[in-house]
C-alpha atoms as a PDB file:
ATOM      1  CA  UNK A   1      19.934  59.453 -18.953  1.00  0.00           C
ATOM      2  CA  UNK A   2      21.110  56.802 -17.498  1.00  0.00           C
ATOM      3  CA  UNK A   3      24.332  55.679 -16.427  1.00  0.00           C
ATOM      4  CA  UNK A   4      24.953  53.057 -13.735  1.00  0.00           C
ATOM      5  CA  UNK A   5      27.932  52.067 -11.178  1.00  0.00           C
ATOM      6  CA  UNK A   6      29.272  50.448  -8.020  1.00  0.00           C
ATOM      7  CA  UNK A   7      32.382  49.745  -5.913  1.00  0.00           C
ATOM      8  CA  UNK A   8      33.417  53.346  -6.100  1.00  0.00           C
ATOM      9  CA  UNK A   9      34.407  52.858  -2.183  1.00  0.00           C
ATOM     10  CA  UNK A  10      35.439  56.343  -1.368  1.00  0.00           C
ATOM     11  CA  UNK A  11      37.185  56.666   1.200  1.00  0.00           C
ATOM     12  CA  UNK A  12      38.272  52.961   1.513  1.00  0.00           C
ATOM     13  CA  UNK A  13      41.942  53.543   1.750  1.00  0.00           C
ATOM     14  CA  UNK A  14      42.014  48.965   1.756  1.00  0.00           C
ATOM     15  CA  UNK A  15      40.237  48.917  -2.071  1.00  0.00           C
ATOM     16  CA  UNK A  16      43.138  50.444  -3.279  1.00  0.00           C
ATOM     17  CA  UNK A  17      45.331  46.464  -2.510  1.00  0.00           C
ATOM     18  CA  UNK A  18      41.902  45.255  -2.185  1.00  0.00           C
ATOM     19  CA  UNK A  19      41.660  45.737  -5.850  1.00  0.00           C
ATOM     20  CA  UNK A  20      44.845  46.624  -7.264  1.00  0.00           C
ATOM     21  CA  UNK A  21      43.558  50.376  -7.944  1.00  0.00           C
ATOM     22  CA  UNK A  22      46.778  51.793 -10.485  1.00  0.00           C
ATOM     23  CA  UNK A  23      46.678  55.081  -7.462  1.00  0.00           C
ATOM     24  CA  UNK A  24      49.009  55.630  -4.800  1.00  0.00           C
ATOM     25  CA  UNK A  25      46.740  56.698  -2.446  1.00  0.00           C
ATOM     26  CA  UNK A  26      42.798  57.509  -1.899  1.00  0.00           C
ATOM     27  CA  UNK A  27      42.754  60.781  -2.397  1.00  0.00           C
ATOM     28  CA  UNK A  28      44.115  59.915  -4.888  1.00  0.00           C
ATOM     29  CA  UNK A  29      41.531  57.795  -6.107  1.00  0.00           C
ATOM     30  CA  UNK A  30      37.935  59.354  -5.043  1.00  0.00           C
ATOM     31  CA  UNK A  31      38.947  62.295  -7.087  1.00  0.00           C
ATOM     32  CA  UNK A  32      40.071  60.756 -10.243  1.00  0.00           C
ATOM     33  CA  UNK A  33      36.683  58.935  -9.681  1.00  0.00           C
ATOM     34  CA  UNK A  34      34.177  61.035  -8.910  1.00  0.00           C
ATOM     35  CA  UNK A  35      36.194  62.821 -11.863  1.00  0.00           C
ATOM     36  CA  UNK A  36      34.692  60.462 -14.473  1.00  0.00           C
ATOM     37  CA  UNK A  37      31.767  60.269 -12.563  1.00  0.00           C
ATOM     38  CA  UNK A  38      31.368  63.429 -13.116  1.00  0.00           C
ATOM     39  CA  UNK A  39      32.248  64.913 -16.645  1.00  0.00           C
ATOM     40  CA  UNK A  40      30.459  61.496 -17.640  1.00  0.00           C
ATOM     41  CA  UNK A  41      26.838  61.860 -15.642  1.00  0.00           C
ATOM     42  CA  UNK A  42      25.825  64.781 -16.822  1.00  0.00           C
ATOM     43  CA  UNK A  43      22.609  67.087 -15.711  1.00  0.00           C
ATOM     44  CA  UNK A  44      19.008  65.644 -15.693  1.00  0.00           C
ATOM     45  CA  UNK A  45      19.745  62.054 -15.342  1.00  0.00           C
ATOM     46  CA  UNK A  46      20.113  59.059 -13.176  1.00  0.00           C
ATOM     47  CA  UNK A  47      22.794  57.332 -11.436  1.00  0.00           C
ATOM     48  CA  UNK A  48      22.066  54.439  -9.969  1.00  0.00           C
ATOM     49  CA  UNK A  49      24.439  53.119  -8.095  1.00  0.00           C
ATOM     50  CA  UNK A  50      24.379  50.317  -6.900  1.00  0.00           C
ATOM     51  CA  UNK A  51      26.525  49.975  -3.867  1.00  0.00           C
ATOM     52  CA  UNK A  52      29.821  50.431  -1.787  1.00  0.00           C
ATOM     53  CA  UNK A  53      29.242  53.699  -2.367  1.00  0.00           C
ATOM     54  CA  UNK A  54      32.385  54.479   0.487  1.00  0.00           C
ATOM     55  CA  UNK A  55      33.395  53.867   3.502  1.00  0.00           C
ATOM     56  CA  UNK A  56      34.158  56.601   4.976  1.00  0.00           C
ATOM     57  CA  UNK A  57      33.142  59.548   8.081  1.00  0.00           C
ATOM     58  CA  UNK A  58      29.279  61.153   7.613  1.00  0.00           C
ATOM     59  CA  UNK A  59      30.662  64.270   7.168  1.00  0.00           C
ATOM     60  CA  UNK A  60      32.983  63.496   3.705  1.00  0.00           C
ATOM     61  CA  UNK A  61      29.925  61.101   2.301  1.00  0.00           C
ATOM     62  CA  UNK A  62      27.224  63.605   2.742  1.00  0.00           C
ATOM     63  CA  UNK A  63      30.090  65.978   0.919  1.00  0.00           C
ATOM     64  CA  UNK A  64      31.002  63.399  -2.054  1.00  0.00           C
ATOM     65  CA  UNK A  65      26.324  63.085  -2.771  1.00  0.00           C
ATOM     66  CA  UNK A  66      26.564  67.049  -2.798  1.00  0.00           C
ATOM     67  CA  UNK A  67      28.713  67.261  -4.866  1.00  0.00           C
ATOM     68  CA  UNK A  68      26.632  64.713  -7.142  1.00  0.00           C
ATOM     69  CA  UNK A  69      23.278  66.129  -6.770  1.00  0.00           C
ATOM     70  CA  UNK A  70      25.060  69.891  -7.232  1.00  0.00           C
ATOM     71  CA  UNK A  71      24.503  69.032 -10.885  1.00  0.00           C
ATOM     72  CA  UNK A  72      20.899  68.385 -10.525  1.00  0.00           C
ATOM     73  CA  UNK A  73      21.466  63.923 -10.780  1.00  0.00           C
ATOM     74  CA  UNK A  74      18.988  61.933  -9.999  1.00  0.00           C
ATOM     75  CA  UNK A  75      20.522  59.889  -7.667  1.00  0.00           C
ATOM     76  CA  UNK A  76      20.238  56.881  -6.622  1.00  0.00           C
ATOM     77  CA  UNK A  77      21.162  54.348  -4.074  1.00  0.00           C
ATOM     78  CA  UNK A  78      21.234  50.763  -2.804  1.00  0.00           C
ATOM     79  CA  UNK A  79      23.398  49.579  -0.627  1.00  0.00           C
ATOM     80  CA  UNK A  80      26.202  48.185  -0.317  1.00  0.00           C
ATOM     81  CA  UNK A  81      27.241  45.542   2.446  1.00  0.00           C
ATOM     82  CA  UNK A  82      30.144  48.732   2.426  1.00  0.00           C
ATOM     83  CA  UNK A  83      27.588  51.133   3.225  1.00  0.00           C
ATOM     84  CA  UNK A  84      27.680  51.755   6.613  1.00  0.00           C
ATOM     85  CA  UNK A  85      25.415  54.097   8.812  1.00  0.00           C
ATOM     86  CA  UNK A  86      23.456  54.979   5.629  1.00  0.00           C
ATOM     87  CA  UNK A  87      20.789  55.630   8.049  1.00  0.00           C
ATOM     88  CA  UNK A  88      20.608  59.582   7.580  1.00  0.00           C
ATOM     89  CA  UNK A  89      21.704  59.231   3.527  1.00  0.00           C
ATOM     90  CA  UNK A  90      18.336  57.135   3.504  1.00  0.00           C
ATOM     91  CA  UNK A  91      15.732  59.992   6.030  1.00  0.00           C
ATOM     92  CA  UNK A  92      18.042  63.055   4.044  1.00  0.00           C
ATOM     93  CA  UNK A  93      17.764  61.710  -0.123  1.00  0.00           C
ATOM     94  CA  UNK A  94      13.700  59.299   0.783  1.00  0.00           C
ATOM     95  CA  UNK A  95      13.054  56.243   1.571  1.00  0.00           C
ATOM     96  CA  UNK A  96      13.189  55.354  -2.601  1.00  0.00           C
ATOM     97  CA  UNK A  97      16.546  56.962  -3.125  1.00  0.00           C
ATOM     98  CA  UNK A  98      17.825  55.449  -0.464  1.00  0.00           C
ATOM     99  CA  UNK A  99      17.180  51.522  -1.405  1.00  0.00           C
ATOM    100  CA  UNK A 100      18.318  47.747   1.540  1.00  0.00           C
ATOM    101  CA  UNK A 101      17.657  45.283  -0.723  1.00  0.00           C
ATOM    102  CA  UNK A 102      16.952  45.386  -4.513  1.00  0.00           C
ATOM    103  CA  UNK A 103      15.119  47.455  -7.014  1.00  0.00           C
ATOM    104  CA  UNK A 104      14.199  46.838 -10.208  1.00  0.00           C
ATOM    105  CA  UNK A 105      14.190  49.436 -12.870  1.00  0.00           C
ATOM    106  CA  UNK A 106      13.413  49.143 -16.853  1.00  0.00           C
ATOM    107  CA  UNK A 107      17.139  48.852 -19.682  1.00  0.00           C
ATOM    108  CA  UNK A 108      15.426  49.542 -22.629  1.00  0.00           C
ATOM    109  CA  UNK A 109      12.922  46.888 -23.494  1.00  0.00           C
ATOM    110  CA  UNK A 110      13.797  44.343 -20.389  1.00  0.00           C
ATOM    111  CA  UNK A 111      12.699  43.912 -16.835  1.00  0.00           C
ATOM    112  CA  UNK A 112      16.370  44.483 -15.266  1.00  0.00           C
ATOM    113  CA  UNK A 113      16.562  43.503 -11.489  1.00  0.00           C
ATOM    114  CA  UNK A 114      19.268  46.017  -9.082  1.00  0.00           C
ATOM    115  CA  UNK A 115      21.725  44.488  -6.280  1.00  0.00           C
ATOM    116  CA  UNK A 116      24.866  44.747  -4.871  1.00  0.00           C
ATOM    117  CA  UNK A 117      24.911  41.336  -4.652  1.00  0.00           C
ATOM    118  CA  UNK A 118      25.395  38.779  -8.187  1.00  0.00           C
ATOM    119  CA  UNK A 119      22.125  37.089  -8.018  1.00  0.00           C
ATOM    120  CA  UNK A 120      20.403  35.208 -10.403  1.00  0.00           C
ATOM    121  CA  UNK A 121      16.903  35.995 -12.229  1.00  0.00           C
ATOM    122  CA  UNK A 122      14.765  34.866 -14.694  1.00  0.00           C
ATOM    123  CA  UNK A 123      15.792  38.024 -16.259  1.00  0.00           C
ATOM    124  CA  UNK A 124      18.886  40.397 -16.571  1.00  0.00           C
ATOM    125  CA  UNK A 125      20.190  41.527 -13.513  1.00  0.00           C
ATOM    126  CA  UNK A 126      23.220  44.702 -12.420  1.00  0.00           C
ATOM    127  CA  UNK A 127      24.806  44.116  -9.821  1.00  0.00           C
ATOM    128  CA  UNK A 128      28.250  44.618  -8.433  1.00  0.00           C
ATOM    129  CA  UNK A 129      30.596  43.592  -5.067  1.00  0.00           C
ATOM    130  CA  UNK A 130      32.760  40.455  -7.104  1.00  0.00           C
ATOM    131  CA  UNK A 131      35.377  43.770  -8.785  1.00  0.00           C
ATOM    132  CA  UNK A 132      34.641  41.655 -13.038  1.00  0.00           C
ATOM    133  CA  UNK A 133      36.283  39.454 -10.802  1.00  0.00           C
ATOM    134  CA  UNK A 134      34.304  37.336 -13.824  1.00  0.00           C
ATOM    135  CA  UNK A 135      34.160  39.781 -16.415  1.00  0.00           C
ATOM    136  CA  UNK A 136      31.932  42.336 -17.123  1.00  0.00           C
ATOM    137  CA  UNK A 137      28.975  39.952 -17.866  1.00  0.00           C
ATOM    138  CA  UNK A 138      28.866  36.307 -17.096  1.00  0.00           C
ATOM    139  CA  UNK A 139      26.951  33.525 -15.921  1.00  0.00           C
ATOM    140  CA  UNK A 140      24.946  34.233 -19.345  1.00  0.00           C
ATOM    141  CA  UNK A 141      22.597  31.524 -20.662  1.00  0.00           C
ATOM    142  CA  UNK A 142      20.922  31.681 -24.212  1.00  0.00           C
ATOM    143  CA  UNK A 143      16.490  31.373 -24.203  1.00  0.00           C
ATOM    144  CA  UNK A 144      15.594  28.259 -23.945  1.00  0.00           C
ATOM    145  CA  UNK A 145      11.504  26.543 -24.269  1.00  0.00           C
ATOM    146  CA  UNK A 146      11.950  26.000 -20.553  1.00  0.00           C
ATOM    147  CA  UNK A 147      14.218  28.651 -20.023  1.00  0.00           C
ATOM    148  CA  UNK A 148      14.615  32.381 -20.071  1.00  0.00           C
ATOM    149  CA  UNK A 149      17.343  34.109 -21.271  1.00  0.00           C
ATOM    150  CA  UNK A 150      19.213  35.376 -17.544  1.00  0.00           C
ATOM    151  CA  UNK A 151      22.992  36.543 -17.305  1.00  0.00           C
ATOM    152  CA  UNK A 152      24.716  39.047 -14.611  1.00  0.00           C
ATOM    153  CA  UNK A 153      26.728  42.138 -15.579  1.00  0.00           C
ATOM    154  CA  UNK A 154      28.800  43.443 -12.944  1.00  0.00           C
ATOM    155  CA  UNK A 155      28.711  47.268 -12.942  1.00  0.00           C
ATOM    156  CA  UNK A 156      31.425  48.510 -10.558  1.00  0.00           C
ATOM    157  CA  UNK A 157      34.154  50.734 -11.403  1.00  0.00           C
ATOM    158  CA  UNK A 158      36.534  48.075 -12.350  1.00  0.00           C
ATOM    159  CA  UNK A 159      34.987  46.526 -15.217  1.00  0.00           C
ATOM    160  CA  UNK A 160      34.332  50.428 -16.392  1.00  0.00           C
ATOM    161  CA  UNK A 161      37.763  52.099 -16.712  1.00  0.00           C
ATOM    162  CA  UNK A 162      36.720  53.732 -13.500  1.00  0.00           C
ATOM    163  CA  UNK A 163      33.418  55.440 -14.572  1.00  0.00           C
ATOM    164  CA  UNK A 164      29.725  54.486 -14.633  1.00  0.00           C
ATOM    165  CA  UNK A 165      28.434  52.946 -17.402  1.00  0.00           C
ATOM    166  CA  UNK A 166      25.372  53.732 -19.572  1.00  0.00           C
ATOM    167  CA  UNK A 167      22.391  51.565 -20.163  1.00  0.00           C
ATOM    168  CA  UNK A 168      22.659  51.998 -24.112  1.00  0.00           C
ATOM    169  CA  UNK A 169      26.212  50.229 -23.686  1.00  0.00           C
ATOM    170  CA  UNK A 170      24.654  48.032 -21.613  1.00  0.00           C
ATOM    171  CA  UNK A 171      21.868  47.448 -24.639  1.00  0.00           C
ATOM    172  CA  UNK A 172      24.387  46.987 -26.817  1.00  0.00           C
ATOM    173  CA  UNK A 173      26.456  44.475 -24.643  1.00  0.00           C
ATOM    174  CA  UNK A 174      23.547  42.681 -24.674  1.00  0.00           C
ATOM    175  CA  UNK A 175      22.446  42.664 -27.405  1.00  0.00           C
ATOM    176  CA  UNK A 176      25.912  41.311 -28.627  1.00  0.00           C
ATOM    177  CA  UNK A 177      24.197  38.046 -26.601  1.00  0.00           C
ATOM    178  CA  UNK A 178      21.224  37.834 -27.220  1.00  0.00           C
ATOM    179  CA  UNK A 179      22.823  36.564 -30.880  1.00  0.00           C
END
């Protein structure tokens, strides 16, 4: 199965206040988000993390990634604006696993652009960065004779109860708006 998430901000103390996350400490925040991630994504699954993985020490970042990889999860990370010093992670995991900029994949029958920031493309964009500011689905436009279907979907943890969202769930949401 394929999963998507963004904006976990592991180790980033100020995120608790910036996004009104319901945790007393960053340690509690990190423990709960990692629990939800590990409870949801199973061995053999692919997890796309669309940026702002962490804002913590290099050692802590490696420790968090090792926890995810210990479950045989195919982790792919797009670098976000809070992901600093990711060169060592890119060397360790490979340039196909840590991506600077954007990536493309498929979501059922759709070609999908993956980006940290909400970009507008012809088609579907999955992104993070906005912390549920616009709702899960935003800027969705039905196809017409002169314009293709367009939709941006926020896959960040603030939009999906602090857990990754599945390809299946995203396809159901897209199907509901394409009617």
